[in-house]
Amino acid sequence: MESPDISEECKGELRRRRAGQNPVALNRKLNEAVGVLLKLNGEKDKVKQPSCQEDGRAGAA
């Protein structure tokens, strides 16, 4: 906000946007998004990956 390279119009828009934000609501949304990502990651880990013996590549090296 102290940069002379940013117009006063842009600074005003940034101030307006910031004033309209609710930090508690933003934190809640962030926590929900993290929960979804963790759940998706956990589901990915539950999918059984074939071992070398199961996919026919055992001893192929």
PDB file of N, CA and C in Angstrom:
ATOM      1  N   MET A   1       0.817  -1.190   0.000  1.00  0.00           N
ATOM      2  CA  MET A   1       0.000   0.000   0.000  1.00  0.00           C
ATOM      3  C   MET A   1       0.867   1.262   0.000  1.00  0.00           C
ATOM      4  N   GLU A   2       2.100   1.118   0.385  1.00  0.00           N
ATOM      5  CA  GLU A   2       2.982   2.282   0.411  1.00  0.00           C
ATOM      6  C   GLU A   2       3.712   2.485  -0.914  1.00  0.00           C
ATOM      7  N   SER A   3       3.562   1.545  -1.827  1.00  0.00           N
ATOM      8  CA  SER A   3       4.274   1.637  -3.099  1.00  0.00           C
ATOM      9  C   SER A   3       3.718   2.762  -3.967  1.00  0.00           C
ATOM     10  N   PRO A   4       4.601   3.571  -4.510  1.00  0.00           N
ATOM     11  CA  PRO A   4       4.140   4.620  -5.424  1.00  0.00           C
ATOM     12  C   PRO A   4       3.755   4.053  -6.796  1.00  0.00           C
ATOM     13  N   ASP A   5       4.096   2.793  -7.040  1.00  0.00           N
ATOM     14  CA  ASP A   5       3.801   2.165  -8.327  1.00  0.00           C
ATOM     15  C   ASP A   5       2.349   1.689  -8.443  1.00  0.00           C
ATOM     16  N   ILE A   6       1.634   1.667  -7.334  1.00  0.00           N
ATOM     17  CA  ILE A   6       0.239   1.228  -7.338  1.00  0.00           C
ATOM     18  C   ILE A   6      -0.644   2.465  -7.259  1.00  0.00           C
ATOM     19  N   SER A   7      -1.594   2.540  -8.179  1.00  0.00           N
ATOM     20  CA  SER A   7      -2.448   3.731  -8.240  1.00  0.00           C
ATOM     21  C   SER A   7      -3.351   3.817  -7.007  1.00  0.00           C
ATOM     22  N   GLU A   8      -3.763   5.019  -6.706  1.00  0.00           N
ATOM     23  CA  GLU A   8      -4.680   5.225  -5.585  1.00  0.00           C
ATOM     24  C   GLU A   8      -6.007   4.514  -5.842  1.00  0.00           C
ATOM     25  N   GLU A   9      -6.384   4.415  -7.107  1.00  0.00           N
ATOM     26  CA  GLU A   9      -7.615   3.694  -7.451  1.00  0.00           C
ATOM     27  C   GLU A   9      -7.503   2.218  -7.062  1.00  0.00           C
ATOM     28  N   CYS A  10      -6.375   1.614  -7.391  1.00  0.00           N
ATOM     29  CA  CYS A  10      -6.149   0.205  -7.030  1.00  0.00           C
ATOM     30  C   CYS A  10      -6.074   0.040  -5.516  1.00  0.00           C
ATOM     31  N   LYS A  11      -5.415   0.939  -4.849  1.00  0.00           N
ATOM     32  CA  LYS A  11      -5.313   0.872  -3.392  1.00  0.00           C
ATOM     33  C   LYS A  11      -6.700   0.980  -2.758  1.00  0.00           C
ATOM     34  N   GLY A  12      -7.532   1.857  -3.315  1.00  0.00           N
ATOM     35  CA  GLY A  12      -8.895   1.990  -2.804  1.00  0.00           C
ATOM     36  C   GLY A  12      -9.693   0.704  -2.988  1.00  0.00           C
ATOM     37  N   GLU A  13      -9.520   0.069  -4.137  1.00  0.00           N
ATOM     38  CA  GLU A  13     -10.203  -1.203  -4.397  1.00  0.00           C
ATOM     39  C   GLU A  13      -9.730  -2.271  -3.428  1.00  0.00           C
ATOM     40  N   LEU A  14      -8.440  -2.327  -3.172  1.00  0.00           N
ATOM     41  CA  LEU A  14      -7.908  -3.297  -2.210  1.00  0.00           C
ATOM     42  C   LEU A  14      -8.445  -3.046  -0.801  1.00  0.00           C
ATOM     43  N   ARG A  15      -8.521  -1.782  -0.424  1.00  0.00           N
ATOM     44  CA  ARG A  15      -9.082  -1.445   0.897  1.00  0.00           C
ATOM     45  C   ARG A  15     -10.550  -1.866   0.985  1.00  0.00           C
ATOM     46  N   ARG A  16     -11.299  -1.629  -0.098  1.00  0.00           N
ATOM     47  CA  ARG A  16     -12.720  -2.000  -0.124  1.00  0.00           C
ATOM     48  C   ARG A  16     -12.888  -3.514   0.010  1.00  0.00           C
ATOM     49  N   ARG A  17     -12.078  -4.260  -0.726  1.00  0.00           N
ATOM     50  CA  ARG A  17     -12.164  -5.728  -0.654  1.00  0.00           C
ATOM     51  C   ARG A  17     -11.811  -6.238   0.745  1.00  0.00           C
ATOM     52  N   ARG A  18     -10.756  -5.666   1.318  1.00  0.00           N
ATOM     53  CA  ARG A  18     -10.335  -6.114   2.647  1.00  0.00           C
ATOM     54  C   ARG A  18     -11.402  -5.824   3.692  1.00  0.00           C
ATOM     55  N   ALA A  19     -12.044  -4.668   3.588  1.00  0.00           N
ATOM     56  CA  ALA A  19     -13.077  -4.298   4.551  1.00  0.00           C
ATOM     57  C   ALA A  19     -14.264  -5.246   4.488  1.00  0.00           C
ATOM     58  N   GLY A  20     -14.497  -5.846   3.324  1.00  0.00           N
ATOM     59  CA  GLY A  20     -15.628  -6.749   3.157  1.00  0.00           C
ATOM     60  C   GLY A  20     -15.347  -8.182   3.552  1.00  0.00           C
ATOM     61  N   GLN A  21     -14.130  -8.476   3.956  1.00  0.00           N
ATOM     62  CA  GLN A  21     -13.772  -9.843   4.320  1.00  0.00           C
ATOM     63  C   GLN A  21     -14.009 -10.095   5.797  1.00  0.00           C
ATOM     64  N   ASN A  22     -14.438 -11.306   6.081  1.00  0.00           N
ATOM     65  CA  ASN A  22     -14.648 -11.739   7.454  1.00  0.00           C
ATOM     66  C   ASN A  22     -13.565 -12.774   7.778  1.00  0.00           C
ATOM     67  N   PRO A  23     -12.590 -12.446   8.609  1.00  0.00           N
ATOM     68  CA  PRO A  23     -11.492 -13.380   8.880  1.00  0.00           C
ATOM     69  C   PRO A  23     -11.966 -14.711   9.455  1.00  0.00           C
ATOM     70  N   VAL A  24     -13.005 -14.695  10.252  1.00  0.00           N
ATOM     71  CA  VAL A  24     -13.511 -15.942  10.837  1.00  0.00           C
ATOM     72  C   VAL A  24     -14.092 -16.827   9.740  1.00  0.00           C
ATOM     73  N   ALA A  25     -14.872 -16.233   8.843  1.00  0.00           N
ATOM     74  CA  ALA A  25     -15.456 -17.000   7.741  1.00  0.00           C
ATOM     75  C   ALA A  25     -14.372 -17.520   6.801  1.00  0.00           C
ATOM     76  N   LEU A  26     -13.360 -16.702   6.523  1.00  0.00           N
ATOM     77  CA  LEU A  26     -12.255 -17.146   5.676  1.00  0.00           C
ATOM     78  C   LEU A  26     -11.518 -18.321   6.314  1.00  0.00           C
ATOM     79  N   ASN A  27     -11.289 -18.254   7.606  1.00  0.00           N
ATOM     80  CA  ASN A  27     -10.618 -19.339   8.317  1.00  0.00           C
ATOM     81  C   ASN A  27     -11.452 -20.610   8.271  1.00  0.00           C
ATOM     82  N   ARG A  28     -12.750 -20.472   8.438  1.00  0.00           N
ATOM     83  CA  ARG A  28     -13.647 -21.628   8.386  1.00  0.00           C
ATOM     84  C   ARG A  28     -13.589 -22.288   7.008  1.00  0.00           C
ATOM     85  N   LYS A  29     -13.641 -21.484   5.949  1.00  0.00           N
ATOM     86  CA  LYS A  29     -13.568 -22.024   4.589  1.00  0.00           C
ATOM     87  C   LYS A  29     -12.230 -22.708   4.337  1.00  0.00           C
ATOM     88  N   LEU A  30     -11.169 -22.116   4.830  1.00  0.00           N
ATOM     89  CA  LEU A  30      -9.845 -22.711   4.665  1.00  0.00           C
ATOM     90  C   LEU A  30      -9.772 -24.060   5.372  1.00  0.00           C
ATOM     91  N   ASN A  31     -10.281 -24.127   6.597  1.00  0.00           N
ATOM     92  CA  ASN A  31     -10.270 -25.386   7.344  1.00  0.00           C
ATOM     93  C   ASN A  31     -11.110 -26.449   6.651  1.00  0.00           C
ATOM     94  N   GLU A  32     -12.244 -26.054   6.072  1.00  0.00           N
ATOM     95  CA  GLU A  32     -13.075 -27.006   5.341  1.00  0.00           C
ATOM     96  C   GLU A  32     -12.330 -27.538   4.117  1.00  0.00           C
ATOM     97  N   ALA A  33     -11.652 -26.655   3.397  1.00  0.00           N
ATOM     98  CA  ALA A  33     -10.899 -27.069   2.213  1.00  0.00           C
ATOM     99  C   ALA A  33      -9.762 -28.016   2.595  1.00  0.00           C
ATOM    100  N   VAL A  34      -9.075 -27.729   3.674  1.00  0.00           N
ATOM    101  CA  VAL A  34      -8.001 -28.614   4.139  1.00  0.00           C
ATOM    102  C   VAL A  34      -8.580 -29.975   4.513  1.00  0.00           C
ATOM    103  N   GLY A  35      -9.732 -29.982   5.175  1.00  0.00           N
ATOM    104  CA  GLY A  35     -10.384 -31.248   5.530  1.00  0.00           C
ATOM    105  C   GLY A  35     -10.725 -32.081   4.303  1.00  0.00           C
ATOM    106  N   VAL A  36     -11.220 -31.430   3.253  1.00  0.00           N
ATOM    107  CA  VAL A  36     -11.535 -32.142   2.015  1.00  0.00           C
ATOM    108  C   VAL A  36     -10.272 -32.736   1.409  1.00  0.00           C
ATOM    109  N   LEU A  37      -9.202 -31.952   1.372  1.00  0.00           N
ATOM    110  CA  LEU A  37      -7.946 -32.456   0.823  1.00  0.00           C
ATOM    111  C   LEU A  37      -7.408 -33.632   1.621  1.00  0.00           C
ATOM    112  N   LEU A  38      -7.483 -33.533   2.942  1.00  0.00           N
ATOM    113  CA  LEU A  38      -7.005 -34.643   3.775  1.00  0.00           C
ATOM    114  C   LEU A  38      -7.850 -35.890   3.560  1.00  0.00           C
ATOM    115  N   LYS A  39      -9.146 -35.717   3.416  1.00  0.00           N
ATOM    116  CA  LYS A  39     -10.032 -36.852   3.171  1.00  0.00           C
ATOM    117  C   LYS A  39      -9.705 -37.496   1.826  1.00  0.00           C
ATOM    118  N   LEU A  40      -9.535 -36.674   0.797  1.00  0.00           N
ATOM    119  CA  LEU A  40      -9.190 -37.206  -0.517  1.00  0.00           C
ATOM    120  C   LEU A  40      -7.852 -37.932  -0.485  1.00  0.00           C
ATOM    121  N   ASN A  41      -6.899 -37.392   0.232  1.00  0.00           N
ATOM    122  CA  ASN A  41      -5.600 -38.038   0.346  1.00  0.00           C
ATOM    123  C   ASN A  41      -5.730 -39.376   1.067  1.00  0.00           C
ATOM    124  N   GLY A  42      -6.547 -39.417   2.107  1.00  0.00           N
ATOM    125  CA  GLY A  42      -6.760 -40.671   2.835  1.00  0.00           C
ATOM    126  C   GLY A  42      -7.426 -41.721   1.974  1.00  0.00           C
ATOM    127  N   GLU A  43      -8.371 -41.304   1.136  1.00  0.00           N
ATOM    128  CA  GLU A  43      -9.035 -42.245   0.239  1.00  0.00           C
ATOM    129  C   GLU A  43      -8.062 -42.772  -0.800  1.00  0.00           C
ATOM    130  N   LYS A  44      -7.158 -41.911  -1.256  1.00  0.00           N
ATOM    131  CA  LYS A  44      -6.152 -42.330  -2.233  1.00  0.00           C
ATOM    132  C   LYS A  44      -5.261 -43.414  -1.619  1.00  0.00           C
ATOM    133  N   ASP A  45      -4.916 -43.232  -0.348  1.00  0.00           N
ATOM    134  CA  ASP A  45      -4.041 -44.201   0.318  1.00  0.00           C
ATOM    135  C   ASP A  45      -4.727 -45.541   0.531  1.00  0.00           C
ATOM    136  N   LYS A  46      -6.069 -45.544   0.566  1.00  0.00           N
ATOM    137  CA  LYS A  46      -6.807 -46.788   0.770  1.00  0.00           C
ATOM    138  C   LYS A  46      -6.837 -47.662  -0.481  1.00  0.00           C
ATOM    139  N   VAL A  47      -6.632 -47.056  -1.655  1.00  0.00           N
ATOM    140  CA  VAL A  47      -6.621 -47.818  -2.895  1.00  0.00           C
ATOM    141  C   VAL A  47      -5.361 -48.656  -2.907  1.00  0.00           C
ATOM    142  N   LYS A  48      -5.547 -49.953  -3.023  1.00  0.00           N
ATOM    143  CA  LYS A  48      -4.402 -50.857  -2.948  1.00  0.00           C
ATOM    144  C   LYS A  48      -3.559 -50.749  -4.205  1.00  0.00           C
ATOM    145  N   GLN A  49      -2.310 -50.464  -4.026  1.00  0.00           N
ATOM    146  CA  GLN A  49      -1.375 -50.397  -5.130  1.00  0.00           C
ATOM    147  C   GLN A  49      -0.809 -51.804  -5.362  1.00  0.00           C
ATOM    148  N   PRO A  50      -0.727 -52.252  -6.617  1.00  0.00           N
ATOM    149  CA  PRO A  50      -0.190 -53.589  -6.867  1.00  0.00           C
ATOM    150  C   PRO A  50       1.283 -53.660  -6.496  1.00  0.00           C
ATOM    151  N   SER A  51       1.661 -54.777  -5.940  1.00  0.00           N
ATOM    152  CA  SER A  51       3.076 -54.974  -5.616  1.00  0.00           C
ATOM    153  C   SER A  51       3.794 -55.507  -6.858  1.00  0.00           C
ATOM    154  N   CYS A  52       5.085 -55.583  -6.801  1.00  0.00           N
ATOM    155  CA  CYS A  52       5.849 -56.091  -7.941  1.00  0.00           C
ATOM    156  C   CYS A  52       5.445 -57.516  -8.278  1.00  0.00           C
ATOM    157  N   GLN A  53       5.153 -58.329  -7.258  1.00  0.00           N
ATOM    158  CA  GLN A  53       4.762 -59.698  -7.490  1.00  0.00           C
ATOM    159  C   GLN A  53       3.392 -59.806  -8.160  1.00  0.00           C
ATOM    160  N   GLU A  54       2.486 -58.887  -7.832  1.00  0.00           N
ATOM    161  CA  GLU A  54       1.124 -58.943  -8.353  1.00  0.00           C
ATOM    162  C   GLU A  54       1.034 -58.441  -9.786  1.00  0.00           C
ATOM    163  N   ASP A  55       1.933 -57.529 -10.207  1.00  0.00           N
ATOM    164  CA  ASP A  55       1.797 -56.979 -11.544  1.00  0.00           C
ATOM    165  C   ASP A  55       2.722 -57.658 -12.565  1.00  0.00           C
ATOM    166  N   GLY A  56       3.366 -58.741 -12.166  1.00  0.00           N
ATOM    167  CA  GLY A  56       4.158 -59.518 -13.101  1.00  0.00           C
ATOM    168  C   GLY A  56       5.545 -58.980 -13.380  1.00  0.00           C
ATOM    169  N   ARG A  57       5.977 -57.977 -12.637  1.00  0.00           N
ATOM    170  CA  ARG A  57       7.301 -57.413 -12.887  1.00  0.00           C
ATOM    171  C   ARG A  57       8.344 -57.899 -11.898  1.00  0.00           C
ATOM    172  N   ALA A  58       8.019 -58.855 -11.079  1.00  0.00           N
ATOM    173  CA  ALA A  58       8.977 -59.336 -10.084  1.00  0.00           C
ATOM    174  C   ALA A  58      10.201 -59.915 -10.796  1.00  0.00           C
ATOM    175  N   GLY A  59      11.345 -59.488 -10.385  1.00  0.00           N
ATOM    176  CA  GLY A  59      12.583 -60.005 -10.955  1.00  0.00           C
ATOM    177  C   GLY A  59      12.878 -59.528 -12.367  1.00  0.00           C
ATOM    178  N   ALA A  60      12.142 -58.534 -12.833  1.00  0.00           N
ATOM    179  CA  ALA A  60      12.344 -58.063 -14.209  1.00  0.00           C
ATOM    180  C   ALA A  60      13.617 -57.217 -14.339  1.00  0.00           C
ATOM    181  N   ALA A  61      14.184 -56.823 -13.266  1.00  0.00           N
ATOM    182  CA  ALA A  61      15.344 -55.920 -13.334  1.00  0.00           C
ATOM    183  C   ALA A  61      16.584 -56.599 -13.708  1.00  0.00           C
TER     184      ALA A  61
END
